[in-house]
């Protein structure tokens, strides 16, 4: 699976343990991954997108956003 990161490499990039990524895969959580047979790989773009999706807007910035109600 050329060009993909292993579970260990992806975990290092995210600052997690490989076991955490394995558990998240079983729970349907975490970054997208590719599974071919028994092998699992992570695309760097998917890891970056996952990190971006985890961003939290600070309350201070939320006061600048328009209200939806």
C-alpha atoms as a PDB file:
ATOM      1  CA  UNK A   1       0.000   0.000   0.000  1.00  0.00           C
ATOM      2  CA  UNK A   2       2.462   2.484  -1.312  1.00  0.00           C
ATOM      3  CA  UNK A   3       1.987   6.101  -0.298  1.00  0.00           C
ATOM      4  CA  UNK A   4      -0.089   5.270   2.772  1.00  0.00           C
ATOM      5  CA  UNK A   5       0.929   5.536   6.397  1.00  0.00           C
ATOM      6  CA  UNK A   6       0.811   2.479   8.638  1.00  0.00           C
ATOM      7  CA  UNK A   7      -1.234   2.517  11.828  1.00  0.00           C
ATOM      8  CA  UNK A   8       1.972   3.143  13.790  1.00  0.00           C
ATOM      9  CA  UNK A   9       3.008   6.060  11.547  1.00  0.00           C
ATOM     10  CA  UNK A  10      -0.482   7.587  11.613  1.00  0.00           C
ATOM     11  CA  UNK A  11      -0.620   7.283  15.399  1.00  0.00           C
ATOM     12  CA  UNK A  12       2.747   9.026  15.720  1.00  0.00           C
ATOM     13  CA  UNK A  13       1.554  11.861  13.469  1.00  0.00           C
ATOM     14  CA  UNK A  14      -1.598  12.308  15.579  1.00  0.00           C
ATOM     15  CA  UNK A  15       0.165  11.900  18.926  1.00  0.00           C
ATOM     16  CA  UNK A  16      -1.830   8.779  19.764  1.00  0.00           C
ATOM     17  CA  UNK A  17      -1.000   5.160  20.438  1.00  0.00           C
ATOM     18  CA  UNK A  18      -1.537   2.637  17.637  1.00  0.00           C
ATOM     19  CA  UNK A  19      -3.964   0.857  19.976  1.00  0.00           C
ATOM     20  CA  UNK A  20      -6.157   3.952  20.131  1.00  0.00           C
ATOM     21  CA  UNK A  21      -6.462   4.003  16.334  1.00  0.00           C
ATOM     22  CA  UNK A  22      -7.280   0.283  16.344  1.00  0.00           C
ATOM     23  CA  UNK A  23     -10.047   0.785  18.920  1.00  0.00           C
ATOM     24  CA  UNK A  24     -11.398   3.803  17.029  1.00  0.00           C
ATOM     25  CA  UNK A  25     -11.589   1.719  13.826  1.00  0.00           C
ATOM     26  CA  UNK A  26     -13.703  -0.871  15.666  1.00  0.00           C
ATOM     27  CA  UNK A  27     -15.968   1.889  17.016  1.00  0.00           C
ATOM     28  CA  UNK A  28     -16.283   3.653  13.659  1.00  0.00           C
ATOM     29  CA  UNK A  29     -14.471   6.736  14.997  1.00  0.00           C
ATOM     30  CA  UNK A  30     -11.311   8.576  14.063  1.00  0.00           C
ATOM     31  CA  UNK A  31      -9.773   9.365  10.699  1.00  0.00           C
ATOM     32  CA  UNK A  32     -10.720   7.629   7.459  1.00  0.00           C
ATOM     33  CA  UNK A  33      -8.594   4.626   6.564  1.00  0.00           C
ATOM     34  CA  UNK A  34      -8.127   2.169   3.736  1.00  0.00           C
ATOM     35  CA  UNK A  35      -8.337  -1.557   4.325  1.00  0.00           C
ATOM     36  CA  UNK A  36      -7.175  -4.056   1.732  1.00  0.00           C
ATOM     37  CA  UNK A  37      -7.360  -7.579   3.045  1.00  0.00           C
ATOM     38  CA  UNK A  38      -5.823  -7.481   6.505  1.00  0.00           C
ATOM     39  CA  UNK A  39      -3.687  -4.414   5.813  1.00  0.00           C
ATOM     40  CA  UNK A  40      -4.758  -0.961   6.995  1.00  0.00           C
ATOM     41  CA  UNK A  41      -3.358   2.317   5.709  1.00  0.00           C
ATOM     42  CA  UNK A  42      -3.970   6.013   6.256  1.00  0.00           C
ATOM     43  CA  UNK A  43      -3.739   8.736   3.623  1.00  0.00           C
ATOM     44  CA  UNK A  44      -1.998  11.848   4.949  1.00  0.00           C
ATOM     45  CA  UNK A  45      -4.779  14.028   3.492  1.00  0.00           C
ATOM     46  CA  UNK A  46      -7.365  12.093   5.521  1.00  0.00           C
ATOM     47  CA  UNK A  47      -5.333  12.568   8.713  1.00  0.00           C
ATOM     48  CA  UNK A  48      -5.087  16.308   8.051  1.00  0.00           C
ATOM     49  CA  UNK A  49      -8.847  16.483   7.370  1.00  0.00           C
ATOM     50  CA  UNK A  50      -9.547  14.631  10.621  1.00  0.00           C
ATOM     51  CA  UNK A  51      -7.383  17.040  12.613  1.00  0.00           C
ATOM     52  CA  UNK A  52      -9.189  19.969  10.960  1.00  0.00           C
ATOM     53  CA  UNK A  53     -12.574  18.456  11.903  1.00  0.00           C
ATOM     54  CA  UNK A  54     -11.490  18.329  15.556  1.00  0.00           C
ATOM     55  CA  UNK A  55     -11.037  22.087  15.805  1.00  0.00           C
ATOM     56  CA  UNK A  56     -13.113  23.749  18.500  1.00  0.00           C
ATOM     57  CA  UNK A  57     -14.229  27.372  18.245  1.00  0.00           C
ATOM     58  CA  UNK A  58     -13.366  29.265  21.459  1.00  0.00           C
ATOM     59  CA  UNK A  59     -16.291  30.960  23.201  1.00  0.00           C
ATOM     60  CA  UNK A  60     -14.686  34.326  22.574  1.00  0.00           C
ATOM     61  CA  UNK A  61     -14.880  33.752  18.813  1.00  0.00           C
ATOM     62  CA  UNK A  62     -18.405  32.335  19.035  1.00  0.00           C
ATOM     63  CA  UNK A  63     -19.736  35.676  20.237  1.00  0.00           C
ATOM     64  CA  UNK A  64     -18.729  37.096  16.845  1.00  0.00           C
ATOM     65  CA  UNK A  65     -20.766  34.491  14.948  1.00  0.00           C
ATOM     66  CA  UNK A  66     -24.363  35.233  13.920  1.00  0.00           C
ATOM     67  CA  UNK A  67     -27.000  33.548  16.067  1.00  0.00           C
ATOM     68  CA  UNK A  68     -29.144  30.904  14.400  1.00  0.00           C
ATOM     69  CA  UNK A  69     -32.187  31.210  16.625  1.00  0.00           C
END
